[in-house]
Amino acid sequence: MSDEPQQWYVLLHEPVDPIGAGVFADPRFGLHVAFLGRLHEQGRLVGAGPLDDRPGTGMAVLRGVDENEARRLAEEDESVRQGLFRVRVRPWTVLLAVE
């Protein structure tokens, strides 16, 4: 466990068009999965997945980046560039992390 506060970032994704859970069937969704895979390989991704109370939305949590890098990474997601998702970057102060 880490006792020192850490600054992580949350990428909140929501579909640009109201297609709800249909985002998983959209061919651009594979681009999003590839983006998350790259973040995982780089050791930046803590976790990612859908938000069940809002179909088609999801979030990814990043660590080891500053705010500028989190925003840059969010914009590199080709599914965002191609208009499947819009993304918001939110800072999250983590007071307790289980490593």
N, C-alpha and C. Protein backbone atom coordinates (compact mmCIF):
# COMPACT_ATOMS: atom_id res chain seq x y z
N MET A 1 0.84 -1.18 0.00
CA MET A 1 0.00 0.00 0.00
C MET A 1 0.88 1.24 0.00
N SER A 2 0.41 2.25 -0.69
CA SER A 2 1.12 3.52 -0.72
C SER A 2 0.46 4.48 0.25
N ASP A 3 1.26 5.14 1.09
CA ASP A 3 0.72 6.08 2.06
C ASP A 3 0.77 7.52 1.57
N GLU A 4 1.54 7.79 0.53
CA GLU A 4 1.67 9.14 -0.02
C GLU A 4 0.58 9.39 -1.05
N PRO A 5 -0.09 10.56 -1.00
CA PRO A 5 -1.07 10.88 -2.05
C PRO A 5 -0.41 10.87 -3.43
N GLN A 6 -1.14 10.35 -4.39
CA GLN A 6 -0.65 10.28 -5.76
C GLN A 6 -1.67 10.95 -6.67
N GLN A 7 -1.20 11.56 -7.75
CA GLN A 7 -2.10 12.16 -8.73
C GLN A 7 -2.22 11.20 -9.91
N TRP A 8 -3.39 10.64 -10.08
CA TRP A 8 -3.70 9.80 -11.23
C TRP A 8 -4.69 10.57 -12.08
N TYR A 9 -4.98 10.05 -13.26
CA TYR A 9 -5.93 10.71 -14.16
C TYR A 9 -6.95 9.71 -14.67
N VAL A 10 -8.18 10.19 -14.74
CA VAL A 10 -9.29 9.38 -15.24
C VAL A 10 -9.67 9.91 -16.61
N LEU A 11 -9.73 9.02 -17.58
CA LEU A 11 -10.23 9.37 -18.91
C LEU A 11 -11.67 8.88 -18.98
N LEU A 12 -12.61 9.80 -19.08
CA LEU A 12 -14.02 9.46 -19.16
C LEU A 12 -14.45 9.50 -20.62
N HIS A 13 -14.89 8.36 -21.13
CA HIS A 13 -15.29 8.25 -22.53
C HIS A 13 -16.81 8.14 -22.62
N GLU A 14 -17.39 8.88 -23.55
CA GLU A 14 -18.82 8.73 -23.84
C GLU A 14 -19.01 8.80 -25.34
N PRO A 15 -20.00 8.08 -25.86
CA PRO A 15 -20.19 8.07 -27.30
C PRO A 15 -20.61 9.46 -27.81
N VAL A 16 -20.08 9.83 -28.96
CA VAL A 16 -20.44 11.10 -29.58
C VAL A 16 -21.90 11.06 -30.02
N ASP A 17 -22.29 9.96 -30.65
CA ASP A 17 -23.68 9.77 -31.06
C ASP A 17 -24.37 8.87 -30.05
N PRO A 18 -25.65 9.07 -29.84
CA PRO A 18 -26.37 8.26 -28.84
C PRO A 18 -26.62 6.83 -29.31
N ILE A 19 -25.52 6.05 -29.39
CA ILE A 19 -25.66 4.67 -29.85
C ILE A 19 -25.63 3.69 -28.69
N GLY A 20 -25.51 4.22 -27.48
CA GLY A 20 -25.58 3.38 -26.29
C GLY A 20 -24.57 2.26 -26.32
N ALA A 21 -25.01 1.09 -25.90
CA ALA A 21 -24.13 -0.07 -25.80
C ALA A 21 -23.64 -0.52 -27.17
N GLY A 22 -24.21 0.05 -28.26
CA GLY A 22 -23.79 -0.30 -29.61
C GLY A 22 -22.34 0.06 -29.91
N VAL A 23 -21.68 0.79 -29.02
CA VAL A 23 -20.28 1.13 -29.26
C VAL A 23 -19.43 -0.12 -29.39
N PHE A 24 -19.79 -1.18 -28.70
CA PHE A 24 -18.99 -2.41 -28.74
C PHE A 24 -19.04 -3.08 -30.11
N ALA A 25 -20.10 -2.83 -30.87
CA ALA A 25 -20.23 -3.41 -32.21
C ALA A 25 -19.63 -2.51 -33.28
N ASP A 26 -19.33 -1.27 -32.93
CA ASP A 26 -18.78 -0.32 -33.90
C ASP A 26 -17.35 -0.72 -34.24
N PRO A 27 -16.97 -0.73 -35.53
CA PRO A 27 -15.61 -1.12 -35.89
C PRO A 27 -14.53 -0.23 -35.27
N ARG A 28 -14.87 1.00 -34.94
CA ARG A 28 -13.89 1.90 -34.32
C ARG A 28 -13.57 1.50 -32.89
N PHE A 29 -14.42 0.66 -32.28
CA PHE A 29 -14.16 0.24 -30.91
C PHE A 29 -12.85 -0.54 -30.80
N GLY A 30 -12.50 -1.28 -31.83
CA GLY A 30 -11.22 -2.00 -31.85
C GLY A 30 -10.03 -1.06 -31.73
N LEU A 31 -10.17 0.16 -32.27
CA LEU A 31 -9.12 1.16 -32.14
C LEU A 31 -8.96 1.59 -30.68
N HIS A 32 -10.08 1.66 -29.98
CA HIS A 32 -10.05 2.02 -28.56
C HIS A 32 -9.37 0.93 -27.74
N VAL A 33 -9.69 -0.30 -28.04
CA VAL A 33 -9.07 -1.43 -27.34
C VAL A 33 -7.56 -1.44 -27.59
N ALA A 34 -7.14 -1.15 -28.82
CA ALA A 34 -5.71 -1.10 -29.14
C ALA A 34 -5.03 0.03 -28.36
N PHE A 35 -5.70 1.17 -28.25
CA PHE A 35 -5.19 2.30 -27.47
C PHE A 35 -4.97 1.89 -26.01
N LEU A 36 -5.96 1.24 -25.43
CA LEU A 36 -5.84 0.79 -24.04
C LEU A 36 -4.72 -0.23 -23.89
N GLY A 37 -4.57 -1.09 -24.88
CA GLY A 37 -3.48 -2.07 -24.86
C GLY A 37 -2.11 -1.41 -24.84
N ARG A 38 -1.95 -0.34 -25.63
CA ARG A 38 -0.68 0.39 -25.63
C ARG A 38 -0.41 1.02 -24.27
N LEU A 39 -1.45 1.60 -23.67
CA LEU A 39 -1.27 2.19 -22.33
C LEU A 39 -0.87 1.12 -21.32
N HIS A 40 -1.47 -0.05 -21.44
CA HIS A 40 -1.12 -1.16 -20.54
C HIS A 40 0.34 -1.57 -20.74
N GLU A 41 0.76 -1.72 -22.00
CA GLU A 41 2.14 -2.11 -22.29
C GLU A 41 3.14 -1.09 -21.74
N GLN A 42 2.75 0.17 -21.72
CA GLN A 42 3.62 1.24 -21.23
C GLN A 42 3.60 1.33 -19.70
N GLY A 43 2.75 0.55 -19.05
CA GLY A 43 2.67 0.57 -17.59
C GLY A 43 1.90 1.75 -17.04
N ARG A 44 1.12 2.42 -17.87
CA ARG A 44 0.37 3.60 -17.43
C ARG A 44 -1.06 3.30 -17.05
N LEU A 45 -1.62 2.21 -17.54
CA LEU A 45 -3.02 1.90 -17.33
C LEU A 45 -3.22 1.13 -16.03
N VAL A 46 -4.05 1.67 -15.15
CA VAL A 46 -4.39 0.99 -13.90
C VAL A 46 -5.57 0.05 -14.16
N GLY A 47 -6.56 0.52 -14.89
CA GLY A 47 -7.72 -0.27 -15.21
C GLY A 47 -8.63 0.49 -16.16
N ALA A 48 -9.53 -0.24 -16.82
CA ALA A 48 -10.47 0.37 -17.75
C ALA A 48 -11.71 -0.50 -17.87
N GLY A 49 -12.83 0.14 -18.18
CA GLY A 49 -14.04 -0.63 -18.38
C GLY A 49 -15.26 0.27 -18.50
N PRO A 50 -16.40 -0.35 -18.82
CA PRO A 50 -17.63 0.41 -19.00
C PRO A 50 -18.22 0.88 -17.67
N LEU A 51 -19.01 1.95 -17.77
CA LEU A 51 -19.79 2.44 -16.64
C LEU A 51 -21.21 1.94 -16.86
N ASP A 52 -21.61 1.00 -16.05
CA ASP A 52 -22.86 0.28 -16.30
C ASP A 52 -24.12 1.12 -16.18
N ASP A 53 -24.04 2.26 -15.50
CA ASP A 53 -25.25 3.08 -15.35
C ASP A 53 -25.48 4.00 -16.54
N ARG A 54 -24.52 4.06 -17.48
CA ARG A 54 -24.66 4.89 -18.68
C ARG A 54 -24.15 4.10 -19.87
N PRO A 55 -25.02 3.37 -20.55
CA PRO A 55 -24.59 2.51 -21.66
C PRO A 55 -23.72 3.24 -22.68
N GLY A 56 -22.64 2.58 -23.05
CA GLY A 56 -21.72 3.12 -24.04
C GLY A 56 -20.61 3.97 -23.46
N THR A 57 -20.70 4.31 -22.17
CA THR A 57 -19.67 5.12 -21.54
C THR A 57 -18.67 4.22 -20.82
N GLY A 58 -17.50 4.78 -20.54
CA GLY A 58 -16.50 4.02 -19.81
C GLY A 58 -15.42 4.93 -19.30
N MET A 59 -14.50 4.32 -18.58
CA MET A 59 -13.39 5.11 -18.04
C MET A 59 -12.13 4.27 -18.03
N ALA A 60 -11.02 4.99 -18.06
CA ALA A 60 -9.70 4.39 -17.92
C ALA A 60 -8.95 5.22 -16.89
N VAL A 61 -8.19 4.56 -16.05
CA VAL A 61 -7.42 5.25 -15.01
C VAL A 61 -5.94 5.11 -15.35
N LEU A 62 -5.25 6.27 -15.37
CA LEU A 62 -3.82 6.31 -15.69
C LEU A 62 -3.02 6.77 -14.49
N ARG A 63 -1.83 6.22 -14.36
CA ARG A 63 -0.89 6.70 -13.34
C ARG A 63 0.46 6.87 -14.00
N GLY A 64 1.33 7.64 -13.31
CA GLY A 64 2.67 7.85 -13.84
C GLY A 64 2.73 8.86 -14.96
N VAL A 65 1.71 9.71 -15.06
CA VAL A 65 1.69 10.76 -16.07
C VAL A 65 1.29 12.07 -15.40
N ASP A 66 1.66 13.18 -16.02
CA ASP A 66 1.16 14.46 -15.53
C ASP A 66 -0.07 14.84 -16.36
N GLU A 67 -0.68 15.96 -16.01
CA GLU A 67 -1.93 16.34 -16.68
C GLU A 67 -1.75 16.55 -18.18
N ASN A 68 -0.67 17.20 -18.58
CA ASN A 68 -0.45 17.43 -20.01
C ASN A 68 -0.30 16.12 -20.77
N GLU A 69 0.43 15.18 -20.18
CA GLU A 69 0.61 13.89 -20.84
C GLU A 69 -0.70 13.11 -20.88
N ALA A 70 -1.49 13.18 -19.81
CA ALA A 70 -2.78 12.49 -19.80
C ALA A 70 -3.67 13.04 -20.92
N ARG A 71 -3.69 14.35 -21.09
CA ARG A 71 -4.49 14.96 -22.16
C ARG A 71 -3.96 14.57 -23.54
N ARG A 72 -2.65 14.57 -23.69
CA ARG A 72 -2.05 14.18 -24.97
C ARG A 72 -2.40 12.74 -25.31
N LEU A 73 -2.27 11.86 -24.32
CA LEU A 73 -2.60 10.45 -24.54
C LEU A 73 -4.08 10.28 -24.90
N ALA A 74 -4.94 11.00 -24.20
CA ALA A 74 -6.38 10.89 -24.48
C ALA A 74 -6.69 11.26 -25.92
N GLU A 75 -5.99 12.25 -26.43
CA GLU A 75 -6.22 12.70 -27.80
C GLU A 75 -5.60 11.77 -28.84
N GLU A 76 -4.69 10.89 -28.41
CA GLU A 76 -4.09 9.92 -29.33
C GLU A 76 -4.99 8.73 -29.60
N ASP A 77 -6.04 8.58 -28.82
CA ASP A 77 -6.98 7.46 -29.01
C ASP A 77 -7.67 7.66 -30.36
N GLU A 78 -7.39 6.76 -31.29
CA GLU A 78 -7.93 6.89 -32.64
C GLU A 78 -9.46 6.81 -32.66
N SER A 79 -10.06 6.14 -31.68
CA SER A 79 -11.53 6.09 -31.63
C SER A 79 -12.11 7.45 -31.26
N VAL A 80 -11.33 8.26 -30.56
CA VAL A 80 -11.73 9.64 -30.26
C VAL A 80 -11.54 10.49 -31.52
N ARG A 81 -10.40 10.34 -32.16
CA ARG A 81 -10.12 11.09 -33.39
C ARG A 81 -11.15 10.81 -34.48
N GLN A 82 -11.61 9.57 -34.55
CA GLN A 82 -12.57 9.20 -35.60
C GLN A 82 -14.02 9.40 -35.19
N GLY A 83 -14.25 9.99 -34.02
CA GLY A 83 -15.60 10.41 -33.65
C GLY A 83 -16.48 9.38 -32.97
N LEU A 84 -15.93 8.27 -32.51
CA LEU A 84 -16.75 7.32 -31.75
C LEU A 84 -16.99 7.85 -30.34
N PHE A 85 -15.92 8.30 -29.69
CA PHE A 85 -16.01 8.80 -28.32
C PHE A 85 -15.57 10.25 -28.23
N ARG A 86 -16.10 10.94 -27.23
CA ARG A 86 -15.49 12.18 -26.74
C ARG A 86 -14.90 11.78 -25.39
N VAL A 87 -13.83 12.46 -25.01
CA VAL A 87 -13.14 12.08 -23.78
C VAL A 87 -12.90 13.31 -22.92
N ARG A 88 -13.10 13.14 -21.63
CA ARG A 88 -12.76 14.17 -20.64
C ARG A 88 -11.67 13.61 -19.75
N VAL A 89 -10.72 14.45 -19.41
CA VAL A 89 -9.62 14.06 -18.54
C VAL A 89 -9.85 14.71 -17.18
N ARG A 90 -9.90 13.88 -16.14
CA ARG A 90 -10.16 14.38 -14.78
C ARG A 90 -9.02 13.95 -13.87
N PRO A 91 -8.50 14.87 -13.05
CA PRO A 91 -7.48 14.50 -12.07
C PRO A 91 -8.13 13.73 -10.91
N TRP A 92 -7.40 12.80 -10.35
CA TRP A 92 -7.88 12.04 -9.22
C TRP A 92 -6.74 11.91 -8.21
N THR A 93 -6.94 12.45 -7.04
CA THR A 93 -5.95 12.31 -5.98
C THR A 93 -6.22 11.01 -5.25
N VAL A 94 -5.28 10.12 -5.33
CA VAL A 94 -5.40 8.80 -4.73
C VAL A 94 -4.70 8.83 -3.37
N LEU A 95 -5.48 8.65 -2.33
CA LEU A 95 -4.94 8.69 -0.97
C LEU A 95 -4.51 7.31 -0.50
N LEU A 96 -5.10 6.28 -1.07
CA LEU A 96 -4.76 4.91 -0.69
C LEU A 96 -4.73 4.06 -1.95
N ALA A 97 -3.59 3.50 -2.27
CA ALA A 97 -3.46 2.64 -3.44
C ALA A 97 -2.86 1.30 -3.00
N VAL A 98 -3.45 0.25 -3.46
CA VAL A 98 -2.95 -1.10 -3.18
C VAL A 98 -2.07 -1.50 -4.37
N GLU A 99 -0.84 -1.72 -4.12
CA GLU A 99 0.11 -2.05 -5.21
C GLU A 99 0.26 -3.53 -5.34
